[in-house]
Every structure is written in C-alpha cells, then in structure tokens.
C-alpha atoms as a PDB file:
ATOM      1  CA  UNK A   1     -13.244  -8.049 -31.921  1.00  0.00           C
ATOM      2  CA  UNK A   2     -14.874  -6.428 -28.893  1.00  0.00           C
ATOM      3  CA  UNK A   3     -11.641  -6.611 -26.889  1.00  0.00           C
ATOM      4  CA  UNK A   4      -9.719  -4.746 -29.612  1.00  0.00           C
ATOM      5  CA  UNK A   5     -12.362  -1.997 -29.576  1.00  0.00           C
ATOM      6  CA  UNK A   6     -12.256  -1.733 -25.792  1.00  0.00           C
ATOM      7  CA  UNK A   7      -8.475  -1.376 -25.790  1.00  0.00           C
ATOM      8  CA  UNK A   8      -8.610   1.246 -28.523  1.00  0.00           C
ATOM      9  CA  UNK A   9     -11.203   3.150 -26.526  1.00  0.00           C
ATOM     10  CA  UNK A  10      -8.789   3.429 -23.577  1.00  0.00           C
ATOM     11  CA  UNK A  11      -5.923   5.035 -25.491  1.00  0.00           C
ATOM     12  CA  UNK A  12      -4.458   8.016 -23.683  1.00  0.00           C
ATOM     13  CA  UNK A  13      -3.957  11.244 -25.626  1.00  0.00           C
ATOM     14  CA  UNK A  14      -1.915  13.923 -23.798  1.00  0.00           C
ATOM     15  CA  UNK A  15      -3.454  17.359 -23.464  1.00  0.00           C
ATOM     16  CA  UNK A  16      -2.859  20.174 -25.888  1.00  0.00           C
ATOM     17  CA  UNK A  17      -0.448  22.714 -24.380  1.00  0.00           C
ATOM     18  CA  UNK A  18      -2.531  25.660 -25.613  1.00  0.00           C
ATOM     19  CA  UNK A  19      -5.521  24.347 -23.644  1.00  0.00           C
ATOM     20  CA  UNK A  20      -3.523  24.554 -20.396  1.00  0.00           C
ATOM     21  CA  UNK A  21      -3.301  28.318 -20.502  1.00  0.00           C
ATOM     22  CA  UNK A  22      -6.961  28.931 -21.267  1.00  0.00           C
ATOM     23  CA  UNK A  23      -8.638  26.504 -18.909  1.00  0.00           C
ATOM     24  CA  UNK A  24      -9.116  27.601 -15.329  1.00  0.00           C
ATOM     25  CA  UNK A  25      -7.020  25.307 -13.131  1.00  0.00           C
ATOM     26  CA  UNK A  26      -9.254  25.598 -10.066  1.00  0.00           C
ATOM     27  CA  UNK A  27     -12.345  24.894 -12.140  1.00  0.00           C
ATOM     28  CA  UNK A  28     -10.683  21.845 -13.681  1.00  0.00           C
ATOM     29  CA  UNK A  29      -9.670  20.514 -10.267  1.00  0.00           C
ATOM     30  CA  UNK A  30     -13.188  20.983  -8.870  1.00  0.00           C
ATOM     31  CA  UNK A  31     -14.729  19.243 -11.890  1.00  0.00           C
ATOM     32  CA  UNK A  32     -12.377  16.254 -11.781  1.00  0.00           C
ATOM     33  CA  UNK A  33     -11.224  15.795  -8.186  1.00  0.00           C
ATOM     34  CA  UNK A  34     -12.636  15.872  -4.714  1.00  0.00           C
ATOM     35  CA  UNK A  35     -10.685  18.307  -2.506  1.00  0.00           C
ATOM     36  CA  UNK A  36     -11.272  17.087   1.065  1.00  0.00           C
ATOM     37  CA  UNK A  37      -9.180  19.562   3.052  1.00  0.00           C
ATOM     38  CA  UNK A  38     -10.746  22.760   1.658  1.00  0.00           C
ATOM     39  CA  UNK A  39      -7.272  23.514   0.313  1.00  0.00           C
ATOM     40  CA  UNK A  40      -8.109  24.342  -3.308  1.00  0.00           C
ATOM     41  CA  UNK A  41      -6.268  27.663  -3.449  1.00  0.00           C
ATOM     42  CA  UNK A  42      -3.051  26.274  -1.986  1.00  0.00           C
ATOM     43  CA  UNK A  43      -3.196  23.187  -4.223  1.00  0.00           C
ATOM     44  CA  UNK A  44      -3.786  25.367  -7.309  1.00  0.00           C
ATOM     45  CA  UNK A  45      -0.851  27.644  -6.478  1.00  0.00           C
ATOM     46  CA  UNK A  46       1.406  24.620  -5.923  1.00  0.00           C
ATOM     47  CA  UNK A  47       0.414  23.115  -9.282  1.00  0.00           C
ATOM     48  CA  UNK A  48       0.597  26.416 -11.180  1.00  0.00           C
ATOM     49  CA  UNK A  49       4.174  26.994 -10.001  1.00  0.00           C
ATOM     50  CA  UNK A  50       5.331  23.983 -12.082  1.00  0.00           C
ATOM     51  CA  UNK A  51       4.196  23.962 -15.723  1.00  0.00           C
ATOM     52  CA  UNK A  52       4.980  20.253 -16.132  1.00  0.00           C
ATOM     53  CA  UNK A  53       2.985  19.402 -12.998  1.00  0.00           C
ATOM     54  CA  UNK A  54       0.100  21.480 -14.343  1.00  0.00           C
ATOM     55  CA  UNK A  55       0.187  19.462 -17.562  1.00  0.00           C
ATOM     56  CA  UNK A  56       0.186  16.215 -15.544  1.00  0.00           C
ATOM     57  CA  UNK A  57      -2.859  17.327 -13.533  1.00  0.00           C
ATOM     58  CA  UNK A  58      -4.797  18.210 -16.694  1.00  0.00           C
ATOM     59  CA  UNK A  59      -3.875  14.837 -18.231  1.00  0.00           C
ATOM     60  CA  UNK A  60      -4.245  12.722 -15.102  1.00  0.00           C
ATOM     61  CA  UNK A  61      -7.980  11.877 -15.181  1.00  0.00           C
ATOM     62  CA  UNK A  62      -7.656  10.618 -18.767  1.00  0.00           C
ATOM     63  CA  UNK A  63      -4.473   8.738 -17.972  1.00  0.00           C
ATOM     64  CA  UNK A  64      -6.077   7.081 -14.948  1.00  0.00           C
ATOM     65  CA  UNK A  65      -9.078   6.055 -17.073  1.00  0.00           C
ATOM     66  CA  UNK A  66      -6.740   3.981 -19.248  1.00  0.00           C
ATOM     67  CA  UNK A  67      -6.081   1.741 -16.227  1.00  0.00           C
ATOM     68  CA  UNK A  68      -9.038   2.109 -13.862  1.00  0.00           C
ATOM     69  CA  UNK A  69     -12.788   2.341 -13.877  1.00  0.00           C
ATOM     70  CA  UNK A  70     -12.764   4.713 -10.934  1.00  0.00           C
ATOM     71  CA  UNK A  71     -15.666   6.120  -8.948  1.00  0.00           C
ATOM     72  CA  UNK A  72     -13.911   9.301  -7.907  1.00  0.00           C
ATOM     73  CA  UNK A  73     -10.523  10.976  -7.678  1.00  0.00           C
ATOM     74  CA  UNK A  74      -9.255  12.964  -4.737  1.00  0.00           C
ATOM     75  CA  UNK A  75      -6.413  15.474  -4.511  1.00  0.00           C
ATOM     76  CA  UNK A  76      -4.777  16.684  -1.316  1.00  0.00           C
ATOM     77  CA  UNK A  77      -1.409  17.455   0.169  1.00  0.00           C
ATOM     78  CA  UNK A  78       0.579  14.620   1.689  1.00  0.00           C
ATOM     79  CA  UNK A  79       0.775  15.503   5.376  1.00  0.00           C
ATOM     80  CA  UNK A  80       4.051  13.804   6.279  1.00  0.00           C
ATOM     81  CA  UNK A  81       6.452  16.252   4.632  1.00  0.00           C
ATOM     82  CA  UNK A  82       7.693  19.695   5.573  1.00  0.00           C
ATOM     83  CA  UNK A  83       6.505  22.785   3.694  1.00  0.00           C
ATOM     84  CA  UNK A  84       9.604  22.691   1.416  1.00  0.00           C
ATOM     85  CA  UNK A  85       8.916  19.048   0.475  1.00  0.00           C
ATOM     86  CA  UNK A  86       5.277  19.307  -0.565  1.00  0.00           C
ATOM     87  CA  UNK A  87       3.718  16.414  -2.428  1.00  0.00           C
ATOM     88  CA  UNK A  88       0.185  15.861  -3.714  1.00  0.00           C
ATOM     89  CA  UNK A  89      -1.682  12.648  -3.022  1.00  0.00           C
ATOM     90  CA  UNK A  90      -4.011  11.511  -5.764  1.00  0.00           C
ATOM     91  CA  UNK A  91      -6.558   9.073  -4.370  1.00  0.00           C
ATOM     92  CA  UNK A  92      -8.118   6.727  -6.907  1.00  0.00           C
ATOM     93  CA  UNK A  93     -11.299   5.157  -5.533  1.00  0.00           C
ATOM     94  CA  UNK A  94     -12.323   2.013  -7.400  1.00  0.00           C
ATOM     95  CA  UNK A  95     -14.323  -1.145  -6.842  1.00  0.00           C
ATOM     96  CA  UNK A  96     -11.636  -3.449  -8.291  1.00  0.00           C
ATOM     97  CA  UNK A  97      -9.732  -6.056  -6.337  1.00  0.00           C
ATOM     98  CA  UNK A  98      -6.630  -5.005  -4.415  1.00  0.00           C
ATOM     99  CA  UNK A  99      -4.081  -7.218  -6.175  1.00  0.00           C
ATOM    100  CA  UNK A 100      -4.910  -6.154  -9.723  1.00  0.00           C
ATOM    101  CA  UNK A 101      -5.341  -2.538  -8.609  1.00  0.00           C
ATOM    102  CA  UNK A 102      -1.812  -2.454  -7.186  1.00  0.00           C
ATOM    103  CA  UNK A 103      -0.443  -3.781 -10.481  1.00  0.00           C
ATOM    104  CA  UNK A 104      -2.371  -1.095 -12.375  1.00  0.00           C
ATOM    105  CA  UNK A 105      -1.171   1.568  -9.925  1.00  0.00           C
ATOM    106  CA  UNK A 106       2.450   0.592 -10.548  1.00  0.00           C
ATOM    107  CA  UNK A 107       1.882   0.623 -14.318  1.00  0.00           C
ATOM    108  CA  UNK A 108       0.313   4.084 -14.066  1.00  0.00           C
ATOM    109  CA  UNK A 109       3.265   5.399 -12.054  1.00  0.00           C
ATOM    110  CA  UNK A 110       5.684   4.101 -14.713  1.00  0.00           C
ATOM    111  CA  UNK A 111       3.631   5.917 -17.378  1.00  0.00           C
ATOM    112  CA  UNK A 112       3.905   9.171 -15.426  1.00  0.00           C
ATOM    113  CA  UNK A 113       7.703   8.921 -15.405  1.00  0.00           C
ATOM    114  CA  UNK A 114       7.824   7.969 -19.091  1.00  0.00           C
ATOM    115  CA  UNK A 115       5.546  10.786 -20.255  1.00  0.00           C
ATOM    116  CA  UNK A 116       6.521  13.679 -17.983  1.00  0.00           C
ATOM    117  CA  UNK A 117       9.431  15.408 -16.306  1.00  0.00           C
ATOM    118  CA  UNK A 118      10.725  13.302 -13.390  1.00  0.00           C
ATOM    119  CA  UNK A 119      10.952  16.200 -10.939  1.00  0.00           C
ATOM    120  CA  UNK A 120       7.293  17.064 -11.607  1.00  0.00           C
ATOM    121  CA  UNK A 121       6.109  13.442 -11.467  1.00  0.00           C
ATOM    122  CA  UNK A 122       7.914  13.127  -8.113  1.00  0.00           C
ATOM    123  CA  UNK A 123       5.461  15.669  -6.687  1.00  0.00           C
ATOM    124  CA  UNK A 124       2.604  13.149  -6.999  1.00  0.00           C
ATOM    125  CA  UNK A 125       1.804  10.085  -4.952  1.00  0.00           C
ATOM    126  CA  UNK A 126      -0.869   7.802  -6.401  1.00  0.00           C
ATOM    127  CA  UNK A 127      -2.897   5.765  -3.929  1.00  0.00           C
ATOM    128  CA  UNK A 128      -5.556   3.302  -5.023  1.00  0.00           C
ATOM    129  CA  UNK A 129      -8.351   2.548  -2.566  1.00  0.00           C
ATOM    130  CA  UNK A 130     -10.580  -0.445  -3.311  1.00  0.00           C
ATOM    131  CA  UNK A 131     -14.063  -0.932  -1.895  1.00  0.00           C
END
C-alpha cells in the first residue's frame, strides 16, 4: 500500500502554458537551479528564444523529482561547442549510487524526447553527479 502511494506521489504533471508567460524566467531559474558561471542573463535569453525549451525548463525540476531525490540542480552552458551550437548542461546532484543513477538519467532523457519537441530537448544535456 505504501509503495502505491509513493509512486502516485511522484507523478509528473506538465506545466500550464499560461503560467509560462506570467512567471519571471530568471526568478524561476534562480529559485530552482544553481548558476555557477554568473551567466544568468545569457542563459535566460537562450531559453526564452525557444518556447518549447522554456516549457522544458519550467517543467524540469518536477520531472527530475519523479526519478531522483536530488540535493540541488545546476544550469550552465556546455563549454565544448561553438556559439552557434549552444547547449545547456543540467547537473543533477544526488546521493544515490552511480549505476542506478545512470539508469534513471537515461529514463529521464527518454521522457524529455517523448514529452517535448526534439530540437528543443536536444539543447539540454543531463548529467547526474553522485556523492
């Protein structure tokens, strides 16, 4: 009985589209992610230029909670690409074991591609870091 309740508690509900226009993107990012490179403005502009990516970012903390009990989330640009190939890295910091975390990470990535536009989901790279 308890297991059924716990699974029901972790159900993901996508965000309401009307909420996306009223909520301040930068405020949401600061409240839900750590921004290590002091790059909040650039990250916000990058996200705001793609409505589907913006929806993903608003939904992402809730979506991640369905798979992970995380300590913190981090958002930054992936440094390896050129300016025209920008990608965001979402760091998920958890205390779980590496093997099960990698399985959950893969499952989460599949969910992103099932729920959202592929070209927008391609702009994110999820990385799980275990303590």
